[in-house]
């Protein structure tokens, strides 16, 4: 933050409050992968959050971008479930878009 404050043309955008549950400091369900082996955030929900926080970014996307991201997420979750099932890995985490709630 301090480095950004030194430059008038640079803004610091903090999305931690949206990404993390304040009580546990863990990622909110919307950004968690269904695989407990995956440490990365779900990029579709994360990019949609960035679009909310950065109007200039939203202006550069077309009107169908959000629906395409939601379809991409649905496909990813379906494919991930199939991949995990084929490997005999139990799914212990349900993504909120698939009825897991939270967020």
N, C-alpha and C. Protein backbone atom coordinates (compact mmCIF):
# COMPACT_ATOMS: atom_id res chain seq x y z
N UNK A 1 0.81 -1.20 0.00
CA UNK A 1 0.00 0.00 0.00
C UNK A 1 0.85 1.25 0.00
N UNK A 2 1.89 1.21 0.79
CA UNK A 2 2.75 2.39 0.90
C UNK A 2 3.37 2.74 -0.45
N UNK A 3 3.82 1.73 -1.17
CA UNK A 3 4.44 1.97 -2.47
C UNK A 3 3.42 2.59 -3.43
N UNK A 4 2.18 2.12 -3.38
CA UNK A 4 1.15 2.69 -4.26
C UNK A 4 0.85 4.13 -3.88
N UNK A 5 0.86 4.42 -2.59
CA UNK A 5 0.57 5.77 -2.13
C UNK A 5 1.61 6.78 -2.61
N UNK A 6 2.81 6.31 -2.92
CA UNK A 6 3.88 7.19 -3.38
C UNK A 6 3.68 7.63 -4.83
N UNK A 7 2.77 6.99 -5.55
CA UNK A 7 2.57 7.29 -6.97
C UNK A 7 1.10 7.63 -7.23
N UNK A 8 0.86 8.84 -7.66
CA UNK A 8 -0.51 9.32 -7.87
C UNK A 8 -1.26 8.49 -8.90
N UNK A 9 -0.56 7.91 -9.85
CA UNK A 9 -1.23 7.16 -10.93
C UNK A 9 -1.49 5.70 -10.57
N UNK A 10 -1.11 5.29 -9.36
CA UNK A 10 -1.26 3.89 -8.96
C UNK A 10 -2.23 3.80 -7.79
N UNK A 11 -3.27 2.99 -7.98
CA UNK A 11 -4.25 2.76 -6.91
C UNK A 11 -4.03 1.38 -6.32
N UNK A 12 -4.19 1.27 -5.02
CA UNK A 12 -4.14 -0.01 -4.33
C UNK A 12 -5.58 -0.48 -4.16
N UNK A 13 -5.90 -1.66 -4.64
CA UNK A 13 -7.25 -2.21 -4.51
C UNK A 13 -7.15 -3.47 -3.67
N UNK A 14 -7.81 -3.44 -2.54
CA UNK A 14 -7.77 -4.56 -1.59
C UNK A 14 -9.08 -5.33 -1.68
N UNK A 15 -9.00 -6.61 -2.07
CA UNK A 15 -10.21 -7.43 -2.15
C UNK A 15 -10.23 -8.51 -1.06
N UNK A 16 -9.35 -8.37 -0.09
CA UNK A 16 -9.28 -9.38 0.98
C UNK A 16 -10.61 -9.55 1.72
N UNK A 17 -11.29 -8.43 1.98
CA UNK A 17 -12.57 -8.54 2.70
C UNK A 17 -13.59 -9.36 1.92
N UNK A 18 -13.55 -9.27 0.60
CA UNK A 18 -14.48 -10.04 -0.21
C UNK A 18 -14.03 -11.50 -0.34
N UNK A 19 -12.73 -11.74 -0.38
CA UNK A 19 -12.21 -13.09 -0.56
C UNK A 19 -12.20 -13.92 0.71
N UNK A 20 -11.98 -13.27 1.86
CA UNK A 20 -11.77 -14.00 3.11
C UNK A 20 -12.93 -13.85 4.08
N UNK A 21 -13.22 -14.91 4.78
CA UNK A 21 -14.18 -14.87 5.88
C UNK A 21 -13.47 -14.21 7.06
N UNK A 22 -13.99 -13.10 7.59
CA UNK A 22 -13.28 -12.39 8.65
C UNK A 22 -13.13 -13.20 9.94
N UNK A 23 -14.03 -14.13 10.19
CA UNK A 23 -13.96 -14.92 11.42
C UNK A 23 -12.86 -15.98 11.36
N UNK A 24 -12.62 -16.53 10.16
CA UNK A 24 -11.66 -17.63 10.04
C UNK A 24 -10.42 -17.27 9.24
N UNK A 25 -10.50 -16.16 8.49
CA UNK A 25 -9.45 -15.74 7.56
C UNK A 25 -9.18 -16.79 6.48
N UNK A 26 -10.19 -17.62 6.22
CA UNK A 26 -10.11 -18.60 5.13
C UNK A 26 -10.90 -18.07 3.94
N UNK A 27 -10.53 -18.59 2.75
CA UNK A 27 -11.25 -18.18 1.55
C UNK A 27 -12.74 -18.47 1.69
N UNK A 28 -13.53 -17.55 1.22
CA UNK A 28 -14.98 -17.77 1.19
C UNK A 28 -15.28 -18.87 0.16
N UNK A 29 -16.37 -19.60 0.34
CA UNK A 29 -16.71 -20.72 -0.55
C UNK A 29 -16.77 -20.36 -2.02
N UNK A 30 -17.16 -19.15 -2.35
CA UNK A 30 -17.27 -18.76 -3.77
C UNK A 30 -15.94 -18.84 -4.51
N UNK A 31 -14.85 -18.77 -3.78
CA UNK A 31 -13.53 -18.72 -4.40
C UNK A 31 -12.72 -20.00 -4.22
N UNK A 32 -13.29 -20.96 -3.49
CA UNK A 32 -12.62 -22.24 -3.25
C UNK A 32 -12.90 -23.24 -4.35
N UNK A 33 -11.88 -23.97 -4.71
CA UNK A 33 -12.05 -25.09 -5.64
C UNK A 33 -12.69 -26.25 -4.89
N UNK A 34 -13.39 -27.12 -5.60
CA UNK A 34 -14.00 -28.28 -4.94
C UNK A 34 -12.95 -29.31 -4.53
N UNK A 35 -11.77 -29.23 -5.11
CA UNK A 35 -10.69 -30.14 -4.76
C UNK A 35 -9.87 -29.55 -3.62
N UNK A 36 -9.76 -30.29 -2.53
CA UNK A 36 -8.94 -29.82 -1.42
C UNK A 36 -7.46 -29.90 -1.77
N UNK A 37 -7.14 -30.53 -2.88
CA UNK A 37 -5.74 -30.60 -3.35
C UNK A 37 -5.33 -29.34 -4.09
N UNK A 38 -6.28 -28.53 -4.50
CA UNK A 38 -6.00 -27.34 -5.30
C UNK A 38 -5.91 -26.13 -4.38
N UNK A 39 -4.76 -25.46 -4.39
CA UNK A 39 -4.56 -24.29 -3.53
C UNK A 39 -4.93 -22.98 -4.21
N UNK A 40 -5.30 -23.03 -5.48
CA UNK A 40 -5.59 -21.82 -6.24
C UNK A 40 -7.05 -21.41 -6.11
N UNK A 41 -7.30 -20.11 -6.21
CA UNK A 41 -8.68 -19.62 -6.19
C UNK A 41 -9.35 -20.00 -7.50
N UNK A 42 -10.66 -20.09 -7.47
CA UNK A 42 -11.44 -20.32 -8.69
C UNK A 42 -11.39 -19.01 -9.47
N UNK A 43 -10.83 -19.06 -10.66
CA UNK A 43 -10.58 -17.82 -11.38
C UNK A 43 -11.85 -17.15 -11.89
N UNK A 44 -12.87 -17.94 -12.23
CA UNK A 44 -14.10 -17.34 -12.78
C UNK A 44 -14.76 -16.41 -11.75
N UNK A 45 -14.90 -16.88 -10.51
CA UNK A 45 -15.54 -16.04 -9.50
C UNK A 45 -14.61 -14.89 -9.09
N UNK A 46 -13.31 -15.13 -9.14
CA UNK A 46 -12.36 -14.09 -8.79
C UNK A 46 -12.37 -12.97 -9.83
N UNK A 47 -12.40 -13.32 -11.11
CA UNK A 47 -12.42 -12.28 -12.14
C UNK A 47 -13.74 -11.50 -12.08
N UNK A 48 -14.83 -12.16 -11.72
CA UNK A 48 -16.09 -11.44 -11.58
C UNK A 48 -16.03 -10.46 -10.42
N UNK A 49 -15.32 -10.82 -9.36
CA UNK A 49 -15.11 -9.89 -8.25
C UNK A 49 -14.29 -8.69 -8.71
N UNK A 50 -13.23 -8.94 -9.46
CA UNK A 50 -12.42 -7.83 -9.98
C UNK A 50 -13.27 -6.92 -10.86
N UNK A 51 -14.17 -7.49 -11.63
CA UNK A 51 -15.04 -6.66 -12.48
C UNK A 51 -15.92 -5.74 -11.63
N UNK A 52 -16.36 -6.24 -10.48
CA UNK A 52 -17.17 -5.41 -9.58
C UNK A 52 -16.35 -4.26 -9.01
N UNK A 53 -15.11 -4.55 -8.68
CA UNK A 53 -14.26 -3.56 -8.01
C UNK A 53 -13.56 -2.60 -8.95
N UNK A 54 -13.40 -3.00 -10.21
CA UNK A 54 -12.66 -2.17 -11.16
C UNK A 54 -13.55 -1.80 -12.35
N UNK A 55 -14.24 -0.67 -12.24
CA UNK A 55 -15.15 -0.27 -13.33
C UNK A 55 -14.47 -0.19 -14.69
N UNK A 56 -13.23 0.24 -14.73
CA UNK A 56 -12.52 0.34 -16.01
C UNK A 56 -12.33 -1.03 -16.65
N UNK A 57 -12.23 -2.07 -15.84
CA UNK A 57 -12.10 -3.42 -16.38
C UNK A 57 -13.45 -3.90 -16.93
N UNK A 58 -14.51 -3.63 -16.17
CA UNK A 58 -15.86 -4.00 -16.64
C UNK A 58 -16.18 -3.33 -17.97
N UNK A 59 -15.76 -2.09 -18.12
CA UNK A 59 -16.01 -1.37 -19.38
C UNK A 59 -15.35 -2.03 -20.58
N UNK A 60 -14.35 -2.83 -20.33
CA UNK A 60 -13.61 -3.49 -21.42
C UNK A 60 -14.12 -4.89 -21.73
N UNK A 61 -15.18 -5.29 -21.06
CA UNK A 61 -15.77 -6.60 -21.35
C UNK A 61 -17.11 -6.41 -22.04
N UNK A 62 -17.51 -7.40 -22.78
CA UNK A 62 -18.80 -7.28 -23.46
C UNK A 62 -19.93 -7.73 -22.52
N UNK A 63 -21.14 -7.51 -22.94
CA UNK A 63 -22.31 -7.75 -22.09
C UNK A 63 -22.51 -9.22 -21.75
N UNK A 64 -21.88 -10.12 -22.48
CA UNK A 64 -22.05 -11.56 -22.22
C UNK A 64 -20.93 -12.15 -21.37
N UNK A 65 -19.97 -11.33 -20.97
CA UNK A 65 -18.80 -11.85 -20.26
C UNK A 65 -19.18 -12.59 -18.98
N UNK A 66 -20.03 -11.98 -18.16
CA UNK A 66 -20.39 -12.61 -16.89
C UNK A 66 -21.08 -13.96 -17.11
N UNK A 67 -21.99 -14.03 -18.04
CA UNK A 67 -22.68 -15.31 -18.29
C UNK A 67 -21.70 -16.35 -18.83
N UNK A 68 -20.74 -15.91 -19.63
CA UNK A 68 -19.72 -16.86 -20.12
C UNK A 68 -18.85 -17.36 -18.97
N UNK A 69 -18.54 -16.51 -18.02
CA UNK A 69 -17.74 -16.94 -16.86
C UNK A 69 -18.52 -17.95 -16.02
N UNK A 70 -19.81 -17.71 -15.85
CA UNK A 70 -20.63 -18.64 -15.07
C UNK A 70 -20.75 -20.00 -15.77
N UNK A 71 -20.89 -19.99 -17.09
CA UNK A 71 -20.90 -21.25 -17.85
C UNK A 71 -19.56 -21.95 -17.77
N UNK A 72 -18.49 -21.18 -17.85
CA UNK A 72 -17.14 -21.75 -17.73
C UNK A 72 -16.97 -22.41 -16.38
N UNK A 73 -17.44 -21.76 -15.34
CA UNK A 73 -17.35 -22.34 -14.00
C UNK A 73 -18.15 -23.63 -13.90
N UNK A 74 -19.34 -23.64 -14.45
CA UNK A 74 -20.16 -24.87 -14.42
C UNK A 74 -19.46 -26.01 -15.14
N UNK A 75 -18.89 -25.72 -16.30
CA UNK A 75 -18.15 -26.75 -17.05
C UNK A 75 -16.94 -27.24 -16.26
N UNK A 76 -16.20 -26.30 -15.67
CA UNK A 76 -15.03 -26.66 -14.90
C UNK A 76 -15.41 -27.58 -13.74
N UNK A 77 -16.45 -27.20 -12.99
CA UNK A 77 -16.87 -28.00 -11.84
C UNK A 77 -17.31 -29.40 -12.27
N UNK A 78 -18.06 -29.47 -13.37
CA UNK A 78 -18.49 -30.78 -13.88
C UNK A 78 -17.29 -31.63 -14.26
N UNK A 79 -16.36 -31.04 -15.01
CA UNK A 79 -15.17 -31.78 -15.43
C UNK A 79 -14.31 -32.19 -14.24
N UNK A 80 -14.19 -31.31 -13.26
CA UNK A 80 -13.39 -31.61 -12.07
C UNK A 80 -14.02 -32.75 -11.28
N UNK A 81 -15.34 -32.74 -11.16
CA UNK A 81 -16.03 -33.83 -10.46
C UNK A 81 -15.77 -35.16 -11.16
N UNK A 82 -15.85 -35.16 -12.49
CA UNK A 82 -15.59 -36.40 -13.25
C UNK A 82 -14.15 -36.86 -13.07
N UNK A 83 -13.22 -35.91 -13.13
CA UNK A 83 -11.80 -36.24 -12.97
C UNK A 83 -11.54 -36.84 -11.59
N UNK A 84 -12.09 -36.22 -10.57
CA UNK A 84 -11.87 -36.71 -9.21
C UNK A 84 -12.51 -38.08 -9.01
N UNK A 85 -13.71 -38.27 -9.56
CA UNK A 85 -14.39 -39.56 -9.44
C UNK A 85 -13.57 -40.66 -10.12
N UNK A 86 -13.02 -40.35 -11.29
CA UNK A 86 -12.22 -41.33 -12.02
C UNK A 86 -10.97 -41.73 -11.24
N UNK A 87 -10.48 -40.83 -10.40
CA UNK A 87 -9.29 -41.11 -9.59
C UNK A 87 -9.66 -41.67 -8.21
N UNK A 88 -10.96 -41.81 -7.96
CA UNK A 88 -11.40 -42.33 -6.67
C UNK A 88 -11.24 -41.34 -5.53
N UNK A 89 -11.23 -40.05 -5.85
CA UNK A 89 -11.07 -39.01 -4.83
C UNK A 89 -12.45 -38.48 -4.46
N UNK A 90 -12.74 -38.52 -3.17
CA UNK A 90 -14.03 -38.03 -2.69
C UNK A 90 -14.05 -36.51 -2.70
N UNK A 91 -15.17 -35.95 -3.09
CA UNK A 91 -15.36 -34.50 -3.05
C UNK A 91 -15.94 -34.15 -1.69
N UNK A 92 -15.17 -33.38 -0.93
CA UNK A 92 -15.62 -33.00 0.40
C UNK A 92 -16.05 -31.55 0.47
N UNK A 93 -15.84 -30.84 -0.64
CA UNK A 93 -16.16 -29.43 -0.70
C UNK A 93 -17.10 -29.20 -1.86
N UNK A 94 -18.21 -28.53 -1.64
CA UNK A 94 -19.15 -28.22 -2.71
C UNK A 94 -19.03 -26.73 -2.99
N UNK A 95 -18.88 -26.38 -4.26
CA UNK A 95 -18.80 -24.96 -4.62
C UNK A 95 -20.16 -24.33 -4.44
N UNK A 96 -20.20 -23.10 -3.96
CA UNK A 96 -21.48 -22.44 -3.67
C UNK A 96 -22.38 -22.35 -4.89
N UNK A 97 -21.80 -22.29 -6.09
CA UNK A 97 -22.63 -22.20 -7.30
C UNK A 97 -23.36 -23.51 -7.57
N UNK A 98 -22.92 -24.56 -6.91
CA UNK A 98 -23.54 -25.88 -7.07
C UNK A 98 -24.41 -26.24 -5.86
N UNK A 99 -24.84 -25.23 -5.12
CA UNK A 99 -25.72 -25.47 -3.98
C UNK A 99 -25.03 -25.52 -2.65
N UNK A 100 -23.78 -25.05 -2.58
CA UNK A 100 -23.03 -25.08 -1.33
C UNK A 100 -23.32 -23.93 -0.40
N UNK A 101 -24.01 -22.89 -0.90
CA UNK A 101 -24.34 -21.75 -0.06
C UNK A 101 -23.11 -20.93 0.30
N UNK A 102 -23.25 -20.05 1.26
CA UNK A 102 -22.12 -19.24 1.74
C UNK A 102 -21.73 -18.19 0.74
N UNK A 103 -20.64 -17.48 1.09
CA UNK A 103 -20.13 -16.53 0.12
C UNK A 103 -20.03 -15.20 0.68
